[in-house]
C-alpha atoms as a PDB file:
ATOM      1  CA  MET A   1       0.000   0.000   0.000  1.00  0.00           C
ATOM      2  CA  TYR A   2       1.284   3.471  -0.890  1.00  0.00           C
ATOM      3  CA  SER A   3       0.218   6.955   0.168  1.00  0.00           C
ATOM      4  CA  ILE A   4       0.827  10.260  -1.611  1.00  0.00           C
ATOM      5  CA  LYS A   5       1.142  13.576   0.245  1.00  0.00           C
ATOM      6  CA  GLN A   6       1.353  17.105  -1.092  1.00  0.00           C
ATOM      7  CA  PRO A   7       0.235  20.662  -0.220  1.00  0.00           C
ATOM      8  CA  GLU A   8      -3.507  21.229  -0.047  1.00  0.00           C
ATOM      9  CA  LEU A   9      -3.371  23.891  -2.785  1.00  0.00           C
ATOM     10  CA  ILE A  10      -0.864  24.222  -5.638  1.00  0.00           C
ATOM     11  CA  ILE A  11      -1.190  27.186  -7.995  1.00  0.00           C
ATOM     12  CA  PHE A  12       0.920  27.322 -11.138  1.00  0.00           C
ATOM     13  CA  GLY A  13       1.307  29.329 -14.311  1.00  0.00           C
ATOM     14  CA  LYS A  14       3.217  32.375 -15.464  1.00  0.00           C
ATOM     15  CA  ASN A  15       2.178  35.558 -13.606  1.00  0.00           C
ATOM     16  CA  SER A  16       0.085  33.559 -11.122  1.00  0.00           C
ATOM     17  CA  VAL A  17       1.717  35.465  -8.233  1.00  0.00           C
ATOM     18  CA  ASP A  18       0.276  38.734  -9.571  1.00  0.00           C
ATOM     19  CA  GLU A  19      -3.229  37.265  -9.557  1.00  0.00           C
ATOM     20  CA  PHE A  20      -3.077  35.839  -6.022  1.00  0.00           C
ATOM     21  CA  ARG A  21      -4.481  37.942  -3.169  1.00  0.00           C
ATOM     22  CA  PHE A  22      -1.904  37.930  -0.398  1.00  0.00           C
ATOM     23  CA  PRO A  23      -3.050  38.595   3.171  1.00  0.00           C
ATOM     24  CA  GLU A  24      -2.071  41.826   4.915  1.00  0.00           C
ATOM     25  CA  ASN A  25       0.278  41.743   7.923  1.00  0.00           C
ATOM     26  CA  SER A  26       2.140  38.671   6.723  1.00  0.00           C
ATOM     27  CA  LEU A  27       5.757  37.880   7.540  1.00  0.00           C
ATOM     28  CA  ILE A  28       7.710  37.711   4.270  1.00  0.00           C
ATOM     29  CA  ILE A  29      10.907  35.673   4.454  1.00  0.00           C
ATOM     30  CA  THR A  30      13.283  36.168   1.542  1.00  0.00           C
ATOM     31  CA  SER A  31      16.834  37.122   0.579  1.00  0.00           C
ATOM     32  CA  LYS A  32      18.353  40.495  -0.171  1.00  0.00           C
ATOM     33  CA  GLY A  33      18.630  39.502  -3.835  1.00  0.00           C
ATOM     34  CA  ALA A  34      14.902  38.838  -4.157  1.00  0.00           C
ATOM     35  CA  LYS A  35      14.108  42.143  -2.477  1.00  0.00           C
ATOM     36  CA  SER A  36      16.541  44.122  -4.652  1.00  0.00           C
ATOM     37  CA  ARG A  37      15.032  42.689  -7.849  1.00  0.00           C
ATOM     38  CA  GLY A  38      11.661  44.205  -6.957  1.00  0.00           C
ATOM     39  CA  TRP A  39       9.925  40.870  -6.632  1.00  0.00           C
ATOM     40  CA  LEU A  40       8.011  41.941  -3.541  1.00  0.00           C
ATOM     41  CA  ASP A  41       6.139  44.436  -5.722  1.00  0.00           C
ATOM     42  CA  HIS A  42       4.162  41.512  -7.145  1.00  0.00           C
ATOM     43  CA  PHE A  43       2.480  40.948  -3.779  1.00  0.00           C
ATOM     44  CA  HIS A  44       0.693  44.312  -3.589  1.00  0.00           C
ATOM     45  CA  ILE A  45       0.767  44.173   0.214  1.00  0.00           C
ATOM     46  CA  LYS A  46       0.684  47.517   1.993  1.00  0.00           C
ATOM     47  CA  ASN A  47       1.408  46.275   5.495  1.00  0.00           C
ATOM     48  CA  HIS A  48       3.828  43.439   6.166  1.00  0.00           C
ATOM     49  CA  TYR A  49       6.849  42.324   8.138  1.00  0.00           C
ATOM     50  CA  ILE A  50      10.001  41.249   6.338  1.00  0.00           C
ATOM     51  CA  PHE A  51      13.120  39.230   7.023  1.00  0.00           C
ATOM     52  CA  ASP A  52      15.536  39.382   4.070  1.00  0.00           C
ATOM     53  CA  LYS A  53      18.731  37.913   5.509  1.00  0.00           C
ATOM     54  CA  VAL A  54      18.434  34.215   4.630  1.00  0.00           C
ATOM     55  CA  GLU A  55      21.861  32.915   3.649  1.00  0.00           C
ATOM     56  CA  PRO A  56      22.745  30.059   1.259  1.00  0.00           C
ATOM     57  CA  ASN A  57      22.757  26.709   3.081  1.00  0.00           C
ATOM     58  CA  PRO A  58      20.958  28.255   6.083  1.00  0.00           C
ATOM     59  CA  SER A  59      21.366  27.140   9.661  1.00  0.00           C
ATOM     60  CA  VAL A  60      18.898  26.513  12.458  1.00  0.00           C
ATOM     61  CA  GLU A  61      20.279  29.693  14.019  1.00  0.00           C
ATOM     62  CA  THR A  62      18.616  31.676  11.216  1.00  0.00           C
ATOM     63  CA  VAL A  63      15.292  30.081  12.125  1.00  0.00           C
ATOM     64  CA  ASP A  64      15.890  30.880  15.785  1.00  0.00           C
ATOM     65  CA  LYS A  65      16.674  34.525  14.966  1.00  0.00           C
ATOM     66  CA  ILE A  66      13.463  34.964  12.968  1.00  0.00           C
ATOM     67  CA  ILE A  67      11.412  33.402  15.735  1.00  0.00           C
ATOM     68  CA  SER A  68      13.103  35.646  18.297  1.00  0.00           C
ATOM     69  CA  ASP A  69      12.616  38.788  16.188  1.00  0.00           C
ATOM     70  CA  PHE A  70       8.996  38.211  15.149  1.00  0.00           C
ATOM     71  CA  SER A  71       7.332  35.808  17.581  1.00  0.00           C
ATOM     72  CA  ASN A  72       5.542  38.689  19.304  1.00  0.00           C
ATOM     73  CA  SER A  73       4.491  40.384  16.044  1.00  0.00           C
ATOM     74  CA  ASN A  74       0.889  40.266  14.895  1.00  0.00           C
ATOM     75  CA  PHE A  75       0.916  38.100  11.764  1.00  0.00           C
ATOM     76  CA  SER A  76      -0.946  34.946  10.796  1.00  0.00           C
ATOM     77  CA  HIS A  77       0.849  33.993   7.545  1.00  0.00           C
ATOM     78  CA  VAL A  78       4.433  33.221   6.596  1.00  0.00           C
ATOM     79  CA  ILE A  79       5.264  33.940   2.947  1.00  0.00           C
ATOM     80  CA  GLY A  80       8.500  32.399   1.669  1.00  0.00           C
ATOM     81  CA  LEU A  81       9.837  33.926  -1.553  1.00  0.00           C
ATOM     82  CA  GLY A  82      13.131  32.653  -2.884  1.00  0.00           C
ATOM     83  CA  GLY A  83      15.242  29.619  -3.599  1.00  0.00           C
ATOM     84  CA  GLY A  84      15.380  26.390  -1.657  1.00  0.00           C
ATOM     85  CA  SER A  85      17.234  27.961   1.264  1.00  0.00           C
ATOM     86  CA  VAL A  86      14.529  30.590   1.786  1.00  0.00           C
ATOM     87  CA  LEU A  87      11.727  28.055   1.445  1.00  0.00           C
ATOM     88  CA  ASP A  88      13.336  25.612   3.880  1.00  0.00           C
ATOM     89  CA  VAL A  89      13.693  28.370   6.473  1.00  0.00           C
ATOM     90  CA  SER A  90      10.130  29.600   5.860  1.00  0.00           C
ATOM     91  CA  LYS A  91       8.695  26.121   6.317  1.00  0.00           C
ATOM     92  CA  PHE A  92      10.539  25.591   9.576  1.00  0.00           C
ATOM     93  CA  VAL A  93       9.524  28.993  10.931  1.00  0.00           C
ATOM     94  CA  GLY A  94       5.902  28.324   9.977  1.00  0.00           C
ATOM     95  CA  LEU A  95       6.073  24.941  11.688  1.00  0.00           C
ATOM     96  CA  LYS A  96       7.561  26.319  14.903  1.00  0.00           C
ATOM     97  CA  LEU A  97       5.179  29.270  15.101  1.00  0.00           C
ATOM     98  CA  LYS A  98       2.165  27.295  13.817  1.00  0.00           C
ATOM     99  CA  LYS A  99       1.470  29.789  11.009  1.00  0.00           C
ATOM    100  CA  PHE A 100      -0.209  29.407   7.607  1.00  0.00           C
ATOM    101  CA  LYS A 101       2.550  28.955   4.995  1.00  0.00           C
ATOM    102  CA  ILE A 102       2.586  30.344   1.427  1.00  0.00           C
ATOM    103  CA  LEU A 103       5.686  29.260  -0.516  1.00  0.00           C
ATOM    104  CA  ILE A 104       6.856  30.745  -3.809  1.00  0.00           C
ATOM    105  CA  PRO A 105      10.029  29.487  -5.500  1.00  0.00           C
ATOM    106  CA  THR A 106      12.139  31.934  -7.521  1.00  0.00           C
ATOM    107  CA  THR A 107      14.703  29.311  -8.482  1.00  0.00           C
ATOM    108  CA  PHE A 108      13.422  25.992  -9.707  1.00  0.00           C
ATOM    109  CA  GLY A 109      15.338  23.007  -8.456  1.00  0.00           C
ATOM    110  CA  SER A 110      14.728  22.211  -4.812  1.00  0.00           C
ATOM    111  CA  GLY A 111      11.005  21.467  -5.131  1.00  0.00           C
ATOM    112  CA  SER A 112      10.791  22.620  -1.514  1.00  0.00           C
ATOM    113  CA  GLU A 113       7.492  24.404  -2.102  1.00  0.00           C
ATOM    114  CA  VAL A 114       5.691  21.050  -2.412  1.00  0.00           C
ATOM    115  CA  THR A 115       7.670  18.764  -0.088  1.00  0.00           C
ATOM    116  CA  ARG A 116       7.591  17.910   3.631  1.00  0.00           C
ATOM    117  CA  ILE A 117      11.369  18.339   3.840  1.00  0.00           C
ATOM    118  CA  SER A 118      13.495  21.167   5.214  1.00  0.00           C
ATOM    119  CA  VAL A 119      17.301  21.067   4.968  1.00  0.00           C
ATOM    120  CA  LEU A 120      19.177  23.170   7.514  1.00  0.00           C
ATOM    121  CA  LYS A 121      22.668  23.210   8.946  1.00  0.00           C
ATOM    122  CA  VAL A 122      23.008  21.939  12.493  1.00  0.00           C
ATOM    123  CA  ASN A 123      26.487  22.378  14.002  1.00  0.00           C
ATOM    124  CA  ASP A 124      27.732  23.285  10.498  1.00  0.00           C
ATOM    125  CA  LYS A 125      26.461  19.999   9.027  1.00  0.00           C
ATOM    126  CA  LYS A 126      23.488  19.705   6.686  1.00  0.00           C
ATOM    127  CA  GLN A 127      20.530  17.871   8.176  1.00  0.00           C
ATOM    128  CA  SER A 128      17.204  16.931   6.572  1.00  0.00           C
ATOM    129  CA  PHE A 129      14.034  17.378   8.629  1.00  0.00           C
ATOM    130  CA  HIS A 130      10.927  15.463   7.537  1.00  0.00           C
ATOM    131  CA  ASP A 131       7.485  16.330   8.897  1.00  0.00           C
ATOM    132  CA  ASP A 132       3.983  16.622   7.420  1.00  0.00           C
ATOM    133  CA  GLU A 133       3.650  19.965   9.247  1.00  0.00           C
ATOM    134  CA  LEU A 134       6.380  21.352   6.975  1.00  0.00           C
ATOM    135  CA  PHE A 135       4.061  21.232   3.957  1.00  0.00           C
ATOM    136  CA  ALA A 136       3.018  24.571   2.502  1.00  0.00           C
ATOM    137  CA  ASP A 137      -0.638  25.457   2.854  1.00  0.00           C
ATOM    138  CA  VAL A 138      -0.375  27.143  -0.555  1.00  0.00           C
ATOM    139  CA  ALA A 139       2.415  26.657  -3.102  1.00  0.00           C
ATOM    140  CA  ILE A 140       2.633  29.051  -6.063  1.00  0.00           C
ATOM    141  CA  VAL A 141       4.827  28.135  -9.039  1.00  0.00           C
ATOM    142  CA  ASP A 142       5.385  31.085 -11.383  1.00  0.00           C
ATOM    143  CA  SER A 143       8.071  30.929 -14.097  1.00  0.00           C
ATOM    144  CA  GLN A 144       8.322  34.719 -14.417  1.00  0.00           C
ATOM    145  CA  PHE A 145      10.981  34.712 -11.689  1.00  0.00           C
ATOM    146  CA  LEU A 146      13.399  32.988 -14.056  1.00  0.00           C
ATOM    147  CA  GLU A 147      13.410  36.030 -16.338  1.00  0.00           C
ATOM    148  CA  GLY A 148      16.640  37.886 -15.760  1.00  0.00           C
ATOM    149  CA  SER A 149      17.953  35.349 -13.262  1.00  0.00           C
ATOM    150  CA  PRO A 150      21.718  34.757 -13.466  1.00  0.00           C
ATOM    151  CA  THR A 151      22.683  31.809 -15.665  1.00  0.00           C
ATOM    152  CA  ASN A 152      24.647  30.247 -12.814  1.00  0.00           C
ATOM    153  CA  VAL A 153      21.572  30.286 -10.550  1.00  0.00           C
ATOM    154  CA  ILE A 154      19.400  28.685 -13.223  1.00  0.00           C
ATOM    155  CA  LYS A 155      21.852  25.912 -14.065  1.00  0.00           C
ATOM    156  CA  ASN A 156      22.584  25.030 -10.429  1.00  0.00           C
ATOM    157  CA  SER A 157      18.870  24.858  -9.661  1.00  0.00           C
ATOM    158  CA  ALA A 158      18.034  22.852 -12.768  1.00  0.00           C
ATOM    159  CA  VAL A 159      20.711  20.248 -12.029  1.00  0.00           C
ATOM    160  CA  ASP A 160      19.425  19.965  -8.467  1.00  0.00           C
ATOM    161  CA  SER A 161      15.990  19.144  -9.844  1.00  0.00           C
ATOM    162  CA  LEU A 162      17.397  16.681 -12.391  1.00  0.00           C
ATOM    163  CA  ALA A 163      19.346  14.928  -9.644  1.00  0.00           C
ATOM    164  CA  GLN A 164      16.324  14.710  -7.373  1.00  0.00           C
ATOM    165  CA  CYS A 165      13.930  13.258  -9.921  1.00  0.00           C
ATOM    166  CA  SER A 166      16.404  10.771 -11.392  1.00  0.00           C
ATOM    167  CA  GLU A 167      17.676   9.568  -8.009  1.00  0.00           C
ATOM    168  CA  ALA A 168      14.099   9.279  -6.727  1.00  0.00           C
ATOM    169  CA  TYR A 169      13.078   7.274  -9.807  1.00  0.00           C
ATOM    170  CA  ASP A 170      15.744   4.706  -8.910  1.00  0.00           C
ATOM    171  CA  SER A 171      14.991   4.792  -5.173  1.00  0.00           C
ATOM    172  CA  LYS A 172      13.804   1.733  -3.297  1.00  0.00           C
ATOM    173  CA  ALA A 173      11.084   3.991  -1.878  1.00  0.00           C
ATOM    174  CA  SER A 174       9.653   4.747  -5.326  1.00  0.00           C
ATOM    175  CA  ASN A 175       6.319   3.484  -6.641  1.00  0.00           C
ATOM    176  CA  LEU A 176       4.371   3.668  -9.906  1.00  0.00           C
ATOM    177  CA  TYR A 177       3.088   7.168  -9.142  1.00  0.00           C
ATOM    178  CA  THR A 178       6.455   8.644  -8.159  1.00  0.00           C
ATOM    179  CA  LYS A 179       8.249   6.954 -11.059  1.00  0.00           C
ATOM    180  CA  PHE A 180       5.731   8.471 -13.478  1.00  0.00           C
ATOM    181  CA  LEU A 181       6.229  11.960 -12.040  1.00  0.00           C
ATOM    182  CA  CYS A 182      10.024  11.635 -11.855  1.00  0.00           C
ATOM    183  CA  LYS A 183      10.330  10.381 -15.426  1.00  0.00           C
ATOM    184  CA  LYS A 184       8.044  13.175 -16.644  1.00  0.00           C
ATOM    185  CA  ALA A 185      10.047  15.693 -14.616  1.00  0.00           C
ATOM    186  CA  PHE A 186      13.330  14.592 -16.193  1.00  0.00           C
ATOM    187  CA  ASP A 187      11.895  14.755 -19.725  1.00  0.00           C
ATOM    188  CA  VAL A 188      10.453  18.248 -19.215  1.00  0.00           C
ATOM    189  CA  LEU A 189      13.537  19.572 -17.405  1.00  0.00           C
ATOM    190  CA  GLU A 190      15.848  18.160 -20.059  1.00  0.00           C
ATOM    191  CA  ASN A 191      13.924  19.970 -22.779  1.00  0.00           C
ATOM    192  CA  GLY A 192      13.834  23.162 -20.729  1.00  0.00           C
ATOM    193  CA  ILE A 193      17.578  23.129 -20.085  1.00  0.00           C
ATOM    194  CA  LEU A 194      18.742  22.123 -23.552  1.00  0.00           C
ATOM    195  CA  ASN A 195      16.360  24.528 -25.302  1.00  0.00           C
ATOM    196  CA  GLU A 196      16.327  27.310 -22.682  1.00  0.00           C
ATOM    197  CA  LYS A 197      12.586  27.148 -22.021  1.00  0.00           C
ATOM    198  CA  HIS A 198      11.796  28.712 -18.644  1.00  0.00           C
ATOM    199  CA  ASP A 199       8.243  27.396 -18.418  1.00  0.00           C
ATOM    200  CA  ASP A 200       9.496  23.825 -18.812  1.00  0.00           C
ATOM    201  CA  ILE A 201      12.133  24.291 -16.108  1.00  0.00           C
ATOM    202  CA  ALA A 202       9.479  25.598 -13.696  1.00  0.00           C
ATOM    203  CA  MET A 203       6.985  22.840 -14.462  1.00  0.00           C
ATOM    204  CA  GLY A 204       9.647  20.131 -14.469  1.00  0.00           C
ATOM    205  CA  SER A 205      10.733  21.283 -11.025  1.00  0.00           C
ATOM    206  CA  LEU A 206       7.136  21.070  -9.804  1.00  0.00           C
ATOM    207  CA  TYR A 207       6.725  17.511 -11.138  1.00  0.00           C
ATOM    208  CA  CYS A 208      10.044  16.648  -9.534  1.00  0.00           C
ATOM    209  CA  GLY A 209       9.052  18.010  -6.129  1.00  0.00           C
ATOM    210  CA  LEU A 210       5.837  16.000  -6.138  1.00  0.00           C
ATOM    211  CA  GLY A 211       7.707  12.878  -7.253  1.00  0.00           C
ATOM    212  CA  PHE A 212      10.786  12.854  -5.050  1.00  0.00           C
ATOM    213  CA  GLY A 213       8.835  14.381  -2.146  1.00  0.00           C
ATOM    214  CA  ASN A 214       6.843  11.155  -2.032  1.00  0.00           C
ATOM    215  CA  SER A 215       9.902   8.975  -2.526  1.00  0.00           C
ATOM    216  CA  SER A 216      13.529   9.717  -1.648  1.00  0.00           C
ATOM    217  CA  THR A 217      16.775  10.876  -3.157  1.00  0.00           C
ATOM    218  CA  THR A 218      19.688   8.486  -2.806  1.00  0.00           C
ATOM    219  CA  LEU A 219      23.456   8.145  -3.195  1.00  0.00           C
ATOM    220  CA  GLY A 220      24.080  11.305  -5.216  1.00  0.00           C
ATOM    221  CA  HIS A 221      22.624  13.481  -2.478  1.00  0.00           C
ATOM    222  CA  ALA A 222      24.380  11.579   0.293  1.00  0.00           C
ATOM    223  CA  LEU A 223      27.700  12.236  -1.444  1.00  0.00           C
ATOM    224  CA  SER A 224      26.935  15.897  -2.108  1.00  0.00           C
ATOM    225  CA  TYR A 225      26.605  17.118   1.471  1.00  0.00           C
ATOM    226  CA  VAL A 226      30.296  16.779   2.340  1.00  0.00           C
ATOM    227  CA  PHE A 227      31.059  19.102  -0.583  1.00  0.00           C
ATOM    228  CA  SER A 228      28.319  21.518   0.496  1.00  0.00           C
ATOM    229  CA  ASN A 229      29.847  21.563   3.977  1.00  0.00           C
ATOM    230  CA  GLU A 230      33.000  22.952   2.339  1.00  0.00           C
ATOM    231  CA  GLY A 231      31.087  25.705   0.549  1.00  0.00           C
ATOM    232  CA  VAL A 232      30.319  24.114  -2.822  1.00  0.00           C
ATOM    233  CA  SER A 233      26.794  25.055  -3.935  1.00  0.00           C
ATOM    234  CA  HIS A 234      24.310  22.192  -3.807  1.00  0.00           C
ATOM    235  CA  GLY A 235      23.556  21.974  -7.535  1.00  0.00           C
ATOM    236  CA  HIS A 236      27.234  22.280  -8.459  1.00  0.00           C
ATOM    237  CA  ALA A 237      28.091  19.374  -6.153  1.00  0.00           C
ATOM    238  CA  LEU A 238      25.255  17.233  -7.519  1.00  0.00           C
ATOM    239  CA  ALA A 239      26.489  17.687 -11.078  1.00  0.00           C
ATOM    240  CA  PHE A 240      29.409  15.475 -10.103  1.00  0.00           C
ATOM    241  CA  THR A 241      28.103  13.324  -7.251  1.00  0.00           C
ATOM    242  CA  THR A 242      24.877  12.287  -8.984  1.00  0.00           C
ATOM    243  CA  THR A 243      26.688  11.596 -12.254  1.00  0.00           C
ATOM    244  CA  LEU A 244      28.993   9.065 -10.577  1.00  0.00           C
ATOM    245  CA  ALA A 245      26.156   7.747  -8.413  1.00  0.00           C
ATOM    246  CA  HIS A 246      24.112   7.048 -11.544  1.00  0.00           C
ATOM    247  CA  LYS A 247      27.064   5.193 -13.047  1.00  0.00           C
ATOM    248  CA  PHE A 248      27.497   3.160  -9.844  1.00  0.00           C
ATOM    249  CA  ASN A 249      23.763   2.347  -9.786  1.00  0.00           C
ATOM    250  CA  ASP A 250      23.510   1.570 -13.527  1.00  0.00           C
ATOM    251  CA  SER A 251      20.767   4.191 -13.750  1.00  0.00           C
ATOM    252  CA  ILE A 252      18.777   4.598 -16.952  1.00  0.00           C
ATOM    253  CA  PHE A 253      19.460   8.334 -16.619  1.00  0.00           C
ATOM    254  CA  TYR A 254      23.265   8.128 -16.523  1.00  0.00           C
ATOM    255  CA  GLN A 255      24.044   9.086 -20.124  1.00  0.00           C
ATOM    256  CA  ARG A 256      21.340  11.760 -20.310  1.00  0.00           C
ATOM    257  CA  PHE A 257      22.409  13.286 -17.004  1.00  0.00           C
ATOM    258  CA  LEU A 258      26.044  13.288 -18.110  1.00  0.00           C
ATOM    259  CA  ARG A 259      25.121  15.009 -21.384  1.00  0.00           C
ATOM    260  CA  ILE A 260      23.340  17.829 -19.549  1.00  0.00           C
ATOM    261  CA  VAL A 261      26.163  18.307 -17.030  1.00  0.00           C
ATOM    262  CA  LYS A 262      28.567  18.555 -19.953  1.00  0.00           C
ATOM    263  CA  LYS A 263      26.420  21.201 -21.654  1.00  0.00           C
ATOM    264  CA  LEU A 264      26.213  23.285 -18.481  1.00  0.00           C
ATOM    265  CA  ASN A 265      30.018  23.311 -18.172  1.00  0.00           C
ATOM    266  CA  PHE A 266      30.488  22.992 -14.418  1.00  0.00           C
ATOM    267  CA  GLN A 267      33.944  23.613 -12.979  1.00  0.00           C
ATOM    268  CA  LYS A 268      35.672  20.707 -11.251  1.00  0.00           C
ATOM    269  CA  ILE A 269      35.095  20.293  -7.506  1.00  0.00           C
ATOM    270  CA  TYR A 270      37.536  18.928  -4.953  1.00  0.00           C
ATOM    271  CA  LEU A 271      36.971  17.659  -1.416  1.00  0.00           C
ATOM    272  CA  LYS A 272      39.589  18.896   1.039  1.00  0.00           C
ATOM    273  CA  GLN A 273      38.469  16.684   3.920  1.00  0.00           C
ATOM    274  CA  ASP A 274      40.144  13.321   4.494  1.00  0.00           C
ATOM    275  CA  LEU A 275      38.219  10.950   2.236  1.00  0.00           C
ATOM    276  CA  ILE A 276      37.973   8.119   4.756  1.00  0.00           C
ATOM    277  CA  GLU A 277      36.536  10.519   7.342  1.00  0.00           C
ATOM    278  CA  ALA A 278      34.141  11.869   4.718  1.00  0.00           C
ATOM    279  CA  ALA A 279      33.019   8.336   3.797  1.00  0.00           C
ATOM    280  CA  THR A 280      32.452   7.539   7.486  1.00  0.00           C
ATOM    281  CA  LEU A 281      30.218  10.619   7.775  1.00  0.00           C
ATOM    282  CA  ILE A 282      28.331   9.788   4.577  1.00  0.00           C
ATOM    283  CA  LEU A 283      27.602   6.283   5.860  1.00  0.00           C
ATOM    284  CA  THR A 284      25.548   7.817   8.699  1.00  0.00           C
ATOM    285  CA  ASP A 285      23.116   9.286   6.141  1.00  0.00           C
ATOM    286  CA  ARG A 286      20.739   6.345   6.219  1.00  0.00           C
ATOM    287  CA  LYS A 287      17.778   8.375   4.894  1.00  0.00           C
ATOM    288  CA  HIS A 288      19.490   8.424   1.509  1.00  0.00           C
ATOM    289  CA  LEU A 289      21.650   5.297   1.493  1.00  0.00           C
ATOM    290  CA  ASP A 290      18.981   2.882   2.725  1.00  0.00           C
ATOM    291  CA  ASN A 291      16.884   3.822  -0.315  1.00  0.00           C
ATOM    292  CA  ASN A 292      19.744   3.526  -2.803  1.00  0.00           C
ATOM    293  CA  PRO A 293      19.058   0.753  -5.356  1.00  0.00           C
ATOM    294  CA  LYS A 294      22.456  -0.853  -4.617  1.00  0.00           C
ATOM    295  CA  ASP A 295      24.193  -1.479  -1.307  1.00  0.00           C
ATOM    296  CA  ILE A 296      27.281   0.662  -0.848  1.00  0.00           C
ATOM    297  CA  SER A 297      30.303   0.210   1.402  1.00  0.00           C
ATOM    298  CA  LYS A 298      32.761   2.665   2.902  1.00  0.00           C
ATOM    299  CA  ASN A 299      35.326   1.555   0.317  1.00  0.00           C
ATOM    300  CA  ASP A 300      32.815   2.276  -2.458  1.00  0.00           C
ATOM    301  CA  LEU A 301      32.279   5.773  -1.056  1.00  0.00           C
ATOM    302  CA  VAL A 302      36.002   6.468  -0.828  1.00  0.00           C
ATOM    303  CA  SER A 303      36.417   5.281  -4.422  1.00  0.00           C
ATOM    304  CA  LEU A 304      33.631   7.584  -5.634  1.00  0.00           C
ATOM    305  CA  LEU A 305      35.074  10.562  -3.756  1.00  0.00           C
ATOM    306  CA  GLU A 306      38.507   9.814  -5.208  1.00  0.00           C
ATOM    307  CA  GLY A 307      36.936   9.709  -8.650  1.00  0.00           C
ATOM    308  CA  ILE A 308      35.446  13.159  -8.178  1.00  0.00           C
ATOM    309  CA  ASN A 309      38.706  14.583  -6.805  1.00  0.00           C
ATOM    310  CA  ASN A 310      40.642  13.044  -9.723  1.00  0.00           C
ATOM    311  CA  GLY A 311      38.276  14.472 -12.323  1.00  0.00           C
ATOM    312  CA  ILE A 312      36.852  11.176 -13.556  1.00  0.00           C
ATOM    313  CA  VAL A 313      33.481  12.792 -14.293  1.00  0.00           C
ATOM    314  CA  LEU A 314      35.137  15.403 -16.488  1.00  0.00           C
ATOM    315  CA  ASP A 315      37.244  12.747 -18.214  1.00  0.00           C
ATOM    316  CA  GLU A 316      34.096  10.854 -19.165  1.00  0.00           C
ATOM    317  CA  MET A 317      32.757  13.955 -20.881  1.00  0.00           C
END
């Protein structure tokens, strides 16, 4: 028996944010970049609170600061506007304060607007929190935010989404429904990336979020976090870790994923940490590794990390 969970209301379509009536006196959580681009003007809210200091790869301390700063303020809604980092923080704040959550992605890769997952740093290490109360009450997917976005932001987000849907397709936790959504997500994202179609990237990310959010990512994500802990952006890390993970797992997406990574021209990454220590840490990530289609040992992990450090992914391009 399988069960599927998702937000109660999902709104999608270009310019859908402009048509939505946002409640007054909401707390808007975003980044300085989103604010400087004038994106808040789409809300048409006269009275609101704002926190615009969410950092990449945010920590639980950011959540604590928001709660401390605004817990006594008179608002009933949390509006998250931004990339995955902003949405993860917004979800956690909404959960802790028991507020109605409206989530709006401006980069399209994390799928956080439709999942029950929030990824935050705890003691400088990434940790995934899973809870039905993290779901948005309303998710709004609007491709207009891709217009004018930096190329590097788009490609990192798109690869994140590609990694999520393809890993989740192969996951032991997958089912017929999630496989359908993940396969559709990859097809749509691939077309959007290769042909620079923003609407396809946005919709592919939505399909991906619904698919992997009801399944699980696997080895590629488990490998990626040690690179993220050293400051490598999440999508950039996944370009390499998911490529080699797909090869290890004999994934049907390996060659297609490799082709897209090659087109996007990511710079080589290198892990400074001792590889045996890194492999030991990765082995504790049972949420991802237990759902990987193949069993993996510490020696396998060290070999994969060595391959990334030695540029094997680039050599195969």
